[in-house]
Amino acid sequence: LPPLRFACCCVAALLPQSLAISTPSFSAAHVHHKSPVPSRSMATAALTTSEISYLTATEAAEIDDMLMGSMGYSLDQLMELAGLSVATATADAYKLPDAKRILIVCGPGNNGGDGLVAARHLHHFGYQVEVCYPKATQKPIYQGLVTQLGGLDIPISQTLPETLSSFDVIIDAIFGFSFAGDVRAPFDTILPALKLSRVPIVSVDIPSGWDVNAGNAAGLGVEPSVLISLTAPKHCARNFSGIHYLGGRFVPPAIQQQYSLVLPSFAGTDMHVKIS
């Protein structure tokens, strides 16, 4: 007998029958296996879209200020978490190997930074990523993100590739919730090109060209197949009928309570949750 089994038998022999130790059976019939863990795509929100909270541009800006103020987050931390959410949600919506080539079009602001972070993660996930960054921001955080992509040999250009149809997915990380007014160069030619491409578009937080409250009322914005809201959906998302995810898993309970936010729960280690 193995030493442990032998010791148990010896002890049992020395005890009265009423106190005898029952040695465990190791037959296959008694082995219990864990239930399969649901795939990421099965982790959907338990709330309906009408129950979920939607933010105005003012509320979204206030929450960002609180996160980077009293809540102790830095901009690069929030950008990293948001970009990771964008990457995981995109990978959930467009899985390998069916979708392989991804173009990420980045704007000059924080949305563009989220796109640069997502590019790095999607590269590590196994996608072939290219970045279009027409108006690079000359700030250390953004320059660092560009340097990181260079270290991974991810192509970065200032203009759109000539053949957009060679990509399986385009990520729109151009404008965020602070966008207002007219679309200026060079994005005044980029948005129409994306709309005409017929390649599925994933928009980050706000579809570029949409008003954060009114949506695409002017008809100038892109029409994405997938929207990945960050922190909480914005009012314009009420008018969105495609696949909708929530990312940005960093909203503290204090902020949720202050703004009476009703948001879906993230499952396990997921960085996104499907809303619809």
Protein backbone atom coordinates (compact mmCIF):
# COMPACT_ATOMS: atom_id res chain seq x y z
CA LEU A 1 0.00 0.00 0.00
CA PRO A 2 1.11 3.61 -0.52
CA PRO A 3 2.38 5.13 2.79
CA LEU A 4 -0.60 7.46 3.33
CA ARG A 5 -3.20 4.76 2.62
CA PHE A 6 -1.26 2.30 4.86
CA ALA A 7 -1.17 4.80 7.75
CA CYS A 8 -4.92 5.40 7.51
CA CYS A 9 -5.60 1.68 7.62
CA CYS A 10 -3.38 1.23 10.72
CA VAL A 11 -5.12 4.01 12.60
CA ALA A 12 -8.53 2.62 11.69
CA ALA A 13 -7.57 -0.81 13.01
CA LEU A 14 -6.67 0.63 16.43
CA LEU A 15 -9.95 2.55 16.91
CA PRO A 16 -13.25 1.15 18.15
CA GLN A 17 -15.63 0.22 15.33
CA SER A 18 -17.87 3.20 16.10
CA LEU A 19 -14.95 5.59 15.57
CA ALA A 20 -13.30 3.81 12.69
CA ILE A 21 -12.04 6.10 9.94
CA SER A 22 -13.57 5.56 6.53
CA THR A 23 -10.86 5.77 3.90
CA PRO A 24 -11.88 7.62 0.75
CA SER A 25 -12.48 5.76 -2.47
CA PHE A 26 -10.54 6.98 -5.48
CA SER A 27 -12.55 5.18 -8.13
CA ALA A 28 -13.48 7.11 -11.27
CA ALA A 29 -17.14 7.06 -10.26
CA HIS A 30 -16.41 9.33 -7.30
CA VAL A 31 -14.21 11.90 -9.05
CA HIS A 32 -16.04 15.23 -9.36
CA HIS A 33 -15.12 17.51 -12.26
CA LYS A 34 -15.76 21.23 -12.36
CA SER A 35 -18.49 22.36 -14.70
CA PRO A 36 -17.25 23.96 -17.92
CA VAL A 37 -16.61 27.69 -17.58
CA PRO A 38 -18.87 29.69 -19.92
CA SER A 39 -17.05 31.35 -22.79
CA ARG A 40 -16.59 35.11 -22.76
CA SER A 41 -19.26 35.53 -25.42
CA MET A 42 -21.83 33.96 -23.06
CA ALA A 43 -21.29 36.62 -20.38
CA THR A 44 -24.08 39.05 -21.19
CA ALA A 45 -25.74 41.72 -19.11
CA ALA A 46 -28.75 40.75 -16.99
CA LEU A 47 -30.20 44.23 -17.47
CA THR A 48 -32.27 45.43 -20.39
CA THR A 49 -31.08 48.42 -22.40
CA SER A 50 -33.92 50.52 -20.98
CA GLU A 51 -32.74 49.86 -17.41
CA ILE A 52 -29.09 50.84 -17.99
CA SER A 53 -27.88 54.37 -17.22
CA TYR A 54 -26.76 56.70 -20.02
CA LEU A 55 -24.46 59.69 -19.50
CA THR A 56 -24.49 63.16 -20.98
CA ALA A 57 -21.22 64.72 -22.15
CA THR A 58 -21.14 66.85 -18.99
CA GLU A 59 -21.61 63.86 -16.70
CA ALA A 60 -18.96 61.86 -18.55
CA ALA A 61 -16.45 64.72 -18.19
CA GLU A 62 -17.26 65.10 -14.48
CA ILE A 63 -16.72 61.39 -13.88
CA ASP A 64 -13.38 61.50 -15.71
CA ASP A 65 -12.33 64.41 -13.51
CA MET A 66 -13.31 62.49 -10.37
CA LEU A 67 -11.48 59.35 -11.49
CA MET A 68 -8.28 61.34 -12.09
CA GLY A 69 -8.83 63.45 -8.98
CA SER A 70 -10.24 62.10 -5.75
CA MET A 71 -10.23 58.48 -7.01
CA GLY A 72 -6.47 58.52 -7.64
CA TYR A 73 -6.29 57.26 -11.22
CA SER A 74 -3.84 58.65 -13.76
CA LEU A 75 -4.72 59.22 -17.41
CA ASP A 76 -2.42 56.47 -18.62
CA GLN A 77 -4.00 53.98 -16.18
CA LEU A 78 -7.50 54.73 -17.45
CA MET A 79 -6.28 54.59 -21.05
CA GLU A 80 -4.66 51.21 -20.48
CA LEU A 81 -7.80 49.74 -18.91
CA ALA A 82 -10.06 51.25 -21.57
CA GLY A 83 -7.83 50.07 -24.42
CA LEU A 84 -7.69 46.56 -22.98
CA SER A 85 -11.50 46.54 -22.84
CA VAL A 86 -11.65 47.61 -26.48
CA ALA A 87 -9.26 44.80 -27.44
CA THR A 88 -11.11 42.05 -25.55
CA ALA A 89 -14.54 43.16 -26.78
CA THR A 90 -13.29 43.35 -30.36
CA ALA A 91 -11.78 39.87 -30.04
CA ASP A 92 -15.12 38.62 -28.72
CA ALA A 93 -17.09 40.13 -31.60
CA TYR A 94 -14.59 39.19 -34.34
CA LYS A 95 -12.80 36.00 -33.44
CA LEU A 96 -9.68 34.47 -34.87
CA PRO A 97 -9.10 32.96 -37.38
CA ASP A 98 -12.16 34.29 -39.25
CA ALA A 99 -11.14 37.91 -38.59
CA LYS A 100 -7.40 38.43 -38.78
CA ARG A 101 -6.52 41.88 -40.16
CA ILE A 102 -7.54 44.93 -38.12
CA LEU A 103 -7.06 48.60 -38.98
CA ILE A 104 -7.26 51.02 -36.05
CA VAL A 105 -7.87 54.67 -36.92
CA CYS A 106 -6.84 56.90 -34.01
CA GLY A 107 -7.73 60.50 -33.32
CA PRO A 108 -5.61 63.10 -31.50
CA GLY A 109 -7.30 62.78 -28.09
CA ASN A 110 -7.96 60.20 -25.41
CA ASN A 111 -10.03 58.05 -27.76
CA GLY A 112 -7.00 57.79 -29.99
CA GLY A 113 -4.92 56.77 -26.98
CA ASP A 114 -7.41 54.00 -26.24
CA GLY A 115 -6.98 52.84 -29.83
CA LEU A 116 -3.18 52.78 -29.53
CA VAL A 117 -3.44 50.64 -26.39
CA ALA A 118 -5.95 48.32 -28.08
CA ALA A 119 -3.54 47.89 -31.00
CA ARG A 120 -0.85 46.53 -28.69
CA HIS A 121 -3.18 44.07 -26.99
CA LEU A 122 -4.76 42.86 -30.22
CA HIS A 123 -1.27 42.24 -31.61
CA HIS A 124 -0.49 40.09 -28.59
CA PHE A 125 -3.81 38.26 -29.06
CA GLY A 126 -2.62 37.19 -32.52
CA TYR A 127 -4.26 39.72 -34.87
CA GLN A 128 -2.45 41.48 -37.70
CA VAL A 129 -2.83 45.12 -36.71
CA GLU A 130 -2.15 48.34 -38.57
CA VAL A 131 -2.65 51.84 -37.18
CA CYS A 132 -3.66 55.01 -38.99
CA TYR A 133 -2.69 57.99 -36.79
CA PRO A 134 -3.17 61.12 -38.95
CA LYS A 135 -2.75 63.75 -36.25
CA ALA A 136 -0.36 62.42 -33.62
CA THR A 137 -0.40 64.09 -30.21
CA GLN A 138 2.98 65.34 -29.06
CA LYS A 139 2.56 64.45 -25.40
CA PRO A 140 4.75 61.93 -23.54
CA ILE A 141 1.89 59.47 -22.84
CA TYR A 142 0.95 59.22 -26.51
CA GLN A 143 4.53 59.20 -27.72
CA GLY A 144 5.20 56.31 -25.35
CA LEU A 145 2.27 54.35 -26.77
CA VAL A 146 3.57 54.91 -30.30
CA THR A 147 7.06 53.79 -29.24
CA GLN A 148 5.56 50.60 -27.78
CA LEU A 149 3.86 49.82 -31.08
CA GLY A 150 7.11 50.46 -32.93
CA GLY A 151 8.81 47.91 -30.70
CA LEU A 152 6.28 45.34 -31.91
CA ASP A 153 6.74 46.30 -35.58
CA ILE A 154 3.11 47.38 -35.85
CA PRO A 155 2.79 49.59 -38.96
CA ILE A 156 1.71 53.17 -38.24
CA SER A 157 0.85 55.64 -40.99
CA GLN A 158 -0.66 59.10 -41.25
CA THR A 159 -2.98 58.20 -44.12
CA LEU A 160 -5.59 55.52 -44.70
CA PRO A 161 -4.43 52.46 -46.61
CA GLU A 162 -5.50 52.54 -50.24
CA THR A 163 -7.42 49.26 -50.00
CA LEU A 164 -9.62 49.23 -46.91
CA SER A 165 -11.35 46.10 -48.15
CA SER A 166 -8.22 44.09 -47.33
CA PHE A 167 -9.07 44.45 -43.62
CA ASP A 168 -11.58 42.31 -41.75
CA VAL A 169 -12.38 44.95 -39.13
CA ILE A 170 -11.82 48.70 -38.69
CA ILE A 171 -11.70 50.17 -35.19
CA ASP A 172 -12.90 53.76 -35.03
CA ALA A 173 -10.97 55.42 -32.19
CA ILE A 174 -11.16 58.94 -33.60
CA PHE A 175 -13.54 61.13 -31.59
CA GLY A 176 -14.88 60.69 -28.06
CA PHE A 177 -17.68 62.19 -25.98
CA SER A 178 -16.13 65.67 -26.06
CA PHE A 179 -16.53 65.95 -29.84
CA ALA A 180 -18.63 68.90 -31.00
CA GLY A 181 -18.92 71.06 -34.10
CA ASP A 182 -17.74 70.31 -37.61
CA VAL A 183 -15.43 67.47 -38.60
CA ARG A 184 -12.16 69.10 -39.64
CA ALA A 185 -9.27 67.93 -41.82
CA PRO A 186 -7.94 65.34 -42.17
CA PHE A 187 -10.89 63.52 -40.64
CA ASP A 188 -13.41 65.20 -42.96
CA THR A 189 -12.20 62.85 -45.70
CA ILE A 190 -11.46 59.86 -43.43
CA LEU A 191 -15.00 59.46 -42.04
CA PRO A 192 -16.65 59.29 -45.50
CA ALA A 193 -14.02 56.76 -46.61
CA LEU A 194 -14.79 54.56 -43.59
CA LYS A 195 -18.53 54.81 -44.26
CA LEU A 196 -18.07 53.73 -47.88
CA SER A 197 -15.67 50.88 -47.13
CA ARG A 198 -18.30 48.25 -46.19
CA VAL A 199 -15.79 46.83 -43.71
CA PRO A 200 -17.34 46.19 -40.27
CA ILE A 201 -16.58 49.09 -37.94
CA VAL A 202 -16.07 48.92 -34.17
CA SER A 203 -16.48 52.34 -32.54
CA VAL A 204 -14.82 53.24 -29.24
CA ASP A 205 -17.22 54.92 -26.77
CA ILE A 206 -18.89 57.17 -29.38
CA PRO A 207 -19.25 56.52 -33.11
CA SER A 208 -17.11 59.24 -34.67
CA GLY A 209 -19.15 62.13 -36.01
CA TRP A 210 -22.08 61.47 -33.67
CA ASP A 211 -23.33 64.06 -31.21
CA VAL A 212 -22.99 62.60 -27.71
CA ASN A 213 -26.62 63.39 -26.90
CA ALA A 214 -28.44 63.48 -30.25
CA GLY A 215 -26.61 60.68 -32.04
CA ASN A 216 -26.07 60.73 -35.80
CA ALA A 217 -28.84 63.24 -36.46
CA ALA A 218 -26.82 65.03 -39.16
CA GLY A 219 -25.94 61.74 -40.87
CA LEU A 220 -22.23 62.62 -41.03
CA GLY A 221 -20.95 60.01 -38.59
CA VAL A 222 -19.86 56.43 -39.14
CA GLU A 223 -22.41 53.63 -38.71
CA PRO A 224 -20.60 50.94 -36.73
CA SER A 225 -21.59 47.30 -36.41
CA VAL A 226 -20.20 47.25 -32.86
CA LEU A 227 -20.07 49.94 -30.18
CA ILE A 228 -17.85 49.61 -27.10
CA SER A 229 -19.03 52.12 -24.49
CA LEU A 230 -16.53 53.03 -21.79
CA THR A 231 -17.29 53.82 -18.13
CA ALA A 232 -21.03 53.96 -18.95
CA PRO A 233 -22.99 54.29 -22.21
CA LYS A 234 -23.57 57.81 -23.48
CA HIS A 235 -26.99 59.15 -24.46
CA CYS A 236 -26.38 58.66 -28.17
CA ALA A 237 -26.07 54.90 -27.59
CA ARG A 238 -29.85 54.76 -27.12
CA ASN A 239 -30.07 55.15 -30.90
CA PHE A 240 -27.57 52.36 -31.60
CA SER A 241 -29.00 49.07 -32.86
CA GLY A 242 -25.87 46.95 -33.36
CA ILE A 243 -23.80 44.84 -30.96
CA HIS A 244 -23.16 46.89 -27.85
CA TYR A 245 -20.50 46.23 -25.22
CA LEU A 246 -19.54 48.04 -22.04
CA GLY A 247 -15.86 48.28 -21.13
CA GLY A 248 -13.76 50.32 -18.75
CA ARG A 249 -13.95 48.19 -15.63
CA PHE A 250 -12.84 50.88 -13.20
CA VAL A 251 -15.93 52.73 -11.94
CA PRO A 252 -15.80 52.84 -8.10
CA PRO A 253 -19.01 52.34 -6.05
CA ALA A 254 -18.84 55.95 -4.81
CA ILE A 255 -19.21 57.28 -8.36
CA GLN A 256 -21.94 54.79 -9.18
CA GLN A 257 -23.87 55.94 -6.12
CA GLN A 258 -23.32 59.66 -6.72
CA TYR A 259 -24.65 59.43 -10.30
CA SER A 260 -27.19 56.67 -9.55
CA LEU A 261 -25.59 54.55 -12.25
CA VAL A 262 -27.27 51.28 -13.14
CA LEU A 263 -24.67 49.23 -15.00
CA PRO A 264 -24.33 45.55 -15.91
CA SER A 265 -21.95 43.37 -13.94
CA PHE A 266 -18.72 42.07 -15.43
CA ALA A 267 -18.31 38.30 -15.29
CA GLY A 268 -15.22 36.78 -13.69
CA THR A 269 -12.05 38.27 -15.15
CA ASP A 270 -13.76 39.75 -18.23
CA MET A 271 -12.90 43.34 -19.17
CA HIS A 272 -16.13 43.79 -21.14
CA VAL A 273 -19.78 42.83 -20.89
CA LYS A 274 -22.25 42.54 -23.75
CA ILE A 275 -25.26 44.85 -23.37
CA SER A 276 -27.11 43.95 -26.55
